[in-house]
Protein backbone atom coordinates (compact mmCIF):
# COMPACT_ATOMS: atom_id res chain seq x y z
CA MET A 1 104.90 59.57 98.30
CA THR A 2 103.58 62.78 99.89
CA VAL A 3 105.69 64.17 102.73
CA PRO A 4 103.46 64.44 105.84
CA VAL A 5 102.75 67.86 107.35
CA ILE A 6 101.47 68.95 110.75
CA THR A 7 100.25 72.54 110.87
CA VAL A 8 100.14 74.49 114.14
CA ASP A 9 98.26 77.76 113.77
CA GLY A 10 97.06 80.30 116.30
CA PRO A 11 97.44 83.85 117.57
CA GLY A 12 100.59 85.28 119.14
CA GLY A 13 101.27 83.96 122.64
CA SER A 14 99.22 80.80 122.22
CA GLY A 15 102.37 78.69 122.48
CA LYS A 16 102.49 77.54 118.88
CA GLY A 17 106.20 78.30 118.39
CA THR A 18 107.33 76.38 121.46
CA ILE A 19 104.96 73.49 120.79
CA SER A 20 105.91 73.28 117.11
CA ARG A 21 109.62 73.19 117.93
CA MET A 22 109.20 70.45 120.55
CA VAL A 23 106.95 68.33 118.34
CA ALA A 24 109.37 68.64 115.41
CA GLN A 25 112.27 67.61 117.65
CA ARG A 26 110.43 64.61 119.04
CA LEU A 27 109.38 63.42 115.59
CA GLY A 28 112.74 64.20 114.00
CA TRP A 29 111.00 66.39 111.41
CA HIS A 30 111.76 69.78 109.89
CA MET A 31 110.10 72.92 111.25
CA LEU A 32 108.89 76.06 109.49
CA ASP A 33 108.41 79.25 111.52
CA SER A 34 106.37 81.15 108.95
CA GLY A 35 105.87 84.15 111.22
CA ALA A 36 109.62 84.72 111.21
CA LEU A 37 109.50 85.23 107.44
CA TYR A 38 107.01 88.09 107.75
CA ARG A 39 109.00 89.60 110.61
CA LEU A 40 112.13 89.39 108.47
CA VAL A 41 110.40 91.11 105.58
CA ALA A 42 109.21 93.91 107.86
CA LEU A 43 112.57 94.34 109.57
CA GLY A 44 114.58 94.17 106.36
CA ALA A 45 112.26 96.56 104.56
CA LEU A 46 112.62 99.16 107.29
CA ARG A 47 116.40 98.76 107.31
CA HIS A 48 116.40 99.44 103.58
CA GLY A 49 114.12 102.45 103.96
CA LEU A 50 111.11 100.87 102.30
CA ASP A 51 107.55 102.01 102.99
CA LEU A 52 105.56 99.30 104.80
CA LYS A 53 102.48 100.45 102.87
CA ASP A 54 104.09 100.00 99.44
CA GLU A 55 102.77 96.56 98.54
CA ALA A 56 104.60 96.12 95.24
CA GLU A 57 107.95 97.18 96.68
CA LEU A 58 107.54 94.93 99.71
CA ALA A 59 106.56 91.95 97.56
CA ASP A 60 109.66 92.42 95.43
CA TYR A 61 111.80 92.55 98.58
CA ALA A 62 110.09 89.41 99.93
CA ARG A 63 110.91 87.47 96.76
CA GLN A 64 114.62 88.31 97.18
CA LEU A 65 114.72 87.98 100.98
CA ASP A 66 118.20 86.95 102.14
CA ALA A 67 117.33 84.92 105.24
CA ASP A 68 118.55 81.75 106.90
CA PHE A 69 117.58 79.64 109.92
CA ARG A 70 120.18 77.79 111.95
CA PRO A 71 119.21 75.09 114.46
CA GLY A 72 119.71 75.70 118.18
CA THR A 73 122.80 74.36 119.89
CA SER A 74 120.70 72.16 122.20
CA ALA A 75 117.26 70.54 122.25
CA ASP A 76 115.82 73.44 124.25
CA ALA A 77 117.53 76.23 122.32
CA GLU A 78 115.67 78.28 119.76
CA PRO A 79 117.10 78.41 116.23
CA ALA A 80 119.05 81.49 115.18
CA THR A 81 117.42 83.62 112.49
CA LEU A 82 119.73 85.48 110.12
CA LEU A 83 118.93 88.46 107.92
CA GLU A 84 121.59 89.21 105.32
CA GLY A 85 124.07 87.25 107.42
CA GLU A 86 123.26 88.97 110.75
CA ASP A 87 121.64 87.19 113.68
CA VAL A 88 118.45 89.18 114.32
CA SER A 89 116.68 86.63 116.54
CA LEU A 90 116.16 89.00 119.48
CA GLU A 91 115.07 91.94 117.35
CA LEU A 92 112.47 89.78 115.60
CA ARG A 93 110.76 89.01 118.91
CA THR A 94 110.04 92.60 119.89
CA GLU A 95 106.42 93.74 119.87
CA THR A 96 107.30 96.52 117.42
CA CYS A 97 108.58 94.00 114.89
CA GLY A 98 105.57 91.76 115.52
CA ASN A 99 103.15 94.60 114.83
CA ASP A 100 105.04 95.61 111.68
CA ALA A 101 104.95 91.99 110.52
CA SER A 102 101.19 91.84 111.09
CA ARG A 103 100.72 94.85 108.80
CA VAL A 104 103.02 93.41 106.15
CA ALA A 105 101.25 90.04 106.34
CA ALA A 106 97.95 91.69 105.45
CA LEU A 107 99.27 92.57 101.98
CA PRO A 108 98.17 89.96 99.38
CA ALA A 109 101.20 90.44 97.13
CA VAL A 110 103.61 89.82 100.02
CA ARG A 111 101.76 86.66 101.03
CA ALA A 112 101.86 85.44 97.43
CA ALA A 113 105.59 86.20 97.21
CA LEU A 114 106.32 84.01 100.25
CA LEU A 115 103.90 81.17 99.47
CA ASP A 116 106.19 79.02 97.32
CA ARG A 117 109.08 79.67 99.70
CA GLN A 118 107.02 78.29 102.59
CA ARG A 119 105.83 75.25 100.66
CA ALA A 120 109.43 74.44 99.70
CA TRP A 121 110.08 73.58 103.36
CA ARG A 122 108.04 70.40 102.90
CA ASP A 123 110.77 67.77 102.93
CA ALA A 124 111.19 64.21 104.16
CA PRO A 125 110.68 62.79 106.68
CA GLY A 126 108.03 65.44 107.52
CA LEU A 127 107.32 69.06 108.40
CA VAL A 128 105.79 70.86 111.37
CA ALA A 129 104.60 74.27 110.12
CA ASP A 130 103.92 77.05 112.63
CA GLY A 131 101.91 80.11 111.63
CA ARG A 132 98.52 81.69 111.17
CA ASP A 133 97.38 80.25 107.84
CA MET A 134 99.40 77.05 107.56
CA GLY A 135 96.36 74.77 107.68
CA THR A 136 94.00 77.00 105.71
CA VAL A 137 96.21 78.29 102.87
CA VAL A 138 99.81 77.07 102.78
CA PHE A 139 99.25 73.36 103.51
CA PRO A 140 95.50 72.74 103.15
CA ASP A 141 96.24 69.03 102.57
CA ALA A 142 98.14 68.62 105.87
CA GLU A 143 97.53 65.29 107.58
CA LEU A 144 97.07 66.90 111.01
CA LYS A 145 96.00 70.47 111.71
CA ILE A 146 96.24 72.01 115.18
CA PHE A 147 94.89 75.42 116.17
CA LEU A 148 96.17 76.69 119.52
CA THR A 149 94.44 79.51 121.35
CA ALA A 150 94.42 81.13 124.80
CA SER A 151 92.84 84.15 126.46
CA VAL A 152 94.26 87.55 125.57
CA GLU A 153 95.24 88.08 129.22
CA GLU A 154 97.17 84.82 129.41
CA ARG A 155 98.92 85.44 126.10
CA ALA A 156 99.97 88.94 127.22
CA ARG A 157 101.33 87.51 130.47
CA ARG A 158 103.34 84.87 128.57
CA ARG A 159 104.75 87.43 126.16
CA TYR A 160 105.71 89.74 129.02
CA LYS A 161 107.54 86.87 130.73
CA GLN A 162 109.36 85.97 127.49
CA LEU A 163 110.50 89.55 126.94
CA LYS A 164 111.76 89.89 130.50
CA GLU A 165 113.73 86.65 130.16
CA LYS A 166 115.37 88.03 127.02
CA GLY A 167 116.17 91.34 128.73
CA ILE A 168 113.65 93.28 126.64
CA ASP A 169 111.55 95.95 128.33
CA GLY A 170 107.79 95.78 127.99
CA SER A 171 104.57 96.88 129.64
CA LEU A 172 101.98 94.23 130.48
CA ALA A 173 99.13 96.68 129.84
CA GLY A 174 100.72 97.75 126.57
CA LEU A 175 101.19 94.13 125.48
CA LEU A 176 97.55 93.39 126.25
CA ASN A 177 96.42 96.21 123.96
CA GLU A 178 98.89 95.32 121.20
CA ILE A 179 97.95 91.63 121.19
CA ALA A 180 94.23 92.44 121.09
CA GLU A 181 94.79 94.83 118.18
CA ARG A 182 96.94 92.31 116.31
CA ASP A 183 94.23 89.66 116.81
CA ARG A 184 91.66 92.03 115.32
CA ARG A 185 93.88 92.88 112.34
CA ASP A 186 94.91 89.27 111.66
CA SER A 187 91.39 87.83 111.95
CA GLN A 188 89.75 90.53 109.81
CA ARG A 189 92.25 90.81 106.96
CA ALA A 190 90.84 90.04 103.53
CA VAL A 191 93.49 87.47 102.60
CA ALA A 192 94.28 84.40 104.73
CA PRO A 193 92.61 85.58 107.94
CA LEU A 194 93.52 84.01 111.27
CA VAL A 195 90.84 81.30 111.63
CA PRO A 196 90.99 77.56 112.39
CA ALA A 197 90.79 75.25 109.39
CA ASP A 198 87.47 73.40 109.21
CA ASP A 199 89.25 70.14 110.05
CA ALA A 200 91.62 71.55 112.70
CA VAL A 201 91.78 70.32 116.28
CA VAL A 202 91.37 73.40 118.49
CA ILE A 203 93.26 73.34 121.81
CA ASP A 204 92.81 76.09 124.40
CA THR A 205 96.15 76.37 126.19
CA SER A 206 95.09 79.02 128.74
CA ASP A 207 95.23 76.58 131.66
CA LEU A 208 97.57 73.97 130.21
CA GLY A 209 101.30 73.56 130.70
CA ILE A 210 103.66 73.02 127.78
CA GLY A 211 104.05 69.34 128.64
CA GLU A 212 100.29 68.83 128.63
CA VAL A 213 99.90 70.40 125.19
CA VAL A 214 102.81 68.42 123.74
CA ALA A 215 101.32 65.22 125.16
CA ARG A 216 97.97 66.01 123.53
CA VAL A 217 99.63 66.63 120.16
CA GLY A 218 101.65 63.44 120.60
CA GLN A 219 98.43 61.51 121.11
CA LEU A 220 97.02 63.02 117.91
CA CYS A 221 100.19 62.08 116.03
CA ARG A 222 99.74 58.47 117.09
CA GLU A 223 96.03 58.39 116.31
CA ARG A 224 96.05 60.31 113.01
CA LEU A 225 99.50 59.65 111.57
CA GLY A 226 100.77 56.52 113.28
CA GLN A 227 103.82 58.54 114.34
CA GLU A 228 105.52 58.09 117.71
CA PHE A 229 107.70 60.61 119.52
CA VAL A 230 111.36 59.70 119.92
CA GLU A 231 111.97 59.04 123.61
CA GLY A 232 114.38 61.36 125.45
CA VAL A 233 114.28 64.10 122.77
CA GLY A 234 113.05 67.64 123.41
């Protein structure tokens, strides 16, 4: 029997990571943060002195990537992301790492190297996959596909707030420019561009709270999958 998958795609700052984590918790399913894999490749490559333009070298590194994800200590806590045994969760969330990951993700050989690794996350009882091409490339047969979006201004504001909460310096104007540039690069790349799947449900989160978005996804889970959220979780 096929393990069900819910894909949650969208640009940075649209809320897909938070929503994916909460939906996975409330369903009791596994979660894949595919963006973290590309950030890990970019960060690890730089630490090893690799050139982010050397596609073959980066693809080889991606195939051997020594990474691990550990669940958060509470329902609201984010999972810890380890690179070669070191917790690099905070470093992965910097805009510099995000921009490096966007460049790495545009390389076809790197995407191919990580494809099987991402698909291997599909395990019972189900998977919530967060990314930019989960519904179009990695899990095109997913039972429910969500595409979250929001205005560039709102996404920059959210990212700025997140960075401040983590004690990371950032400029709102700089974030606005970086997010707009990343959108352009991700949507125009030749392989797996950032676009909604033809059968995706598009949700604009610009004026919606987290609870409202989760409730909407919960309704879709009931209607499309016959799956109910576990009460009191997440």
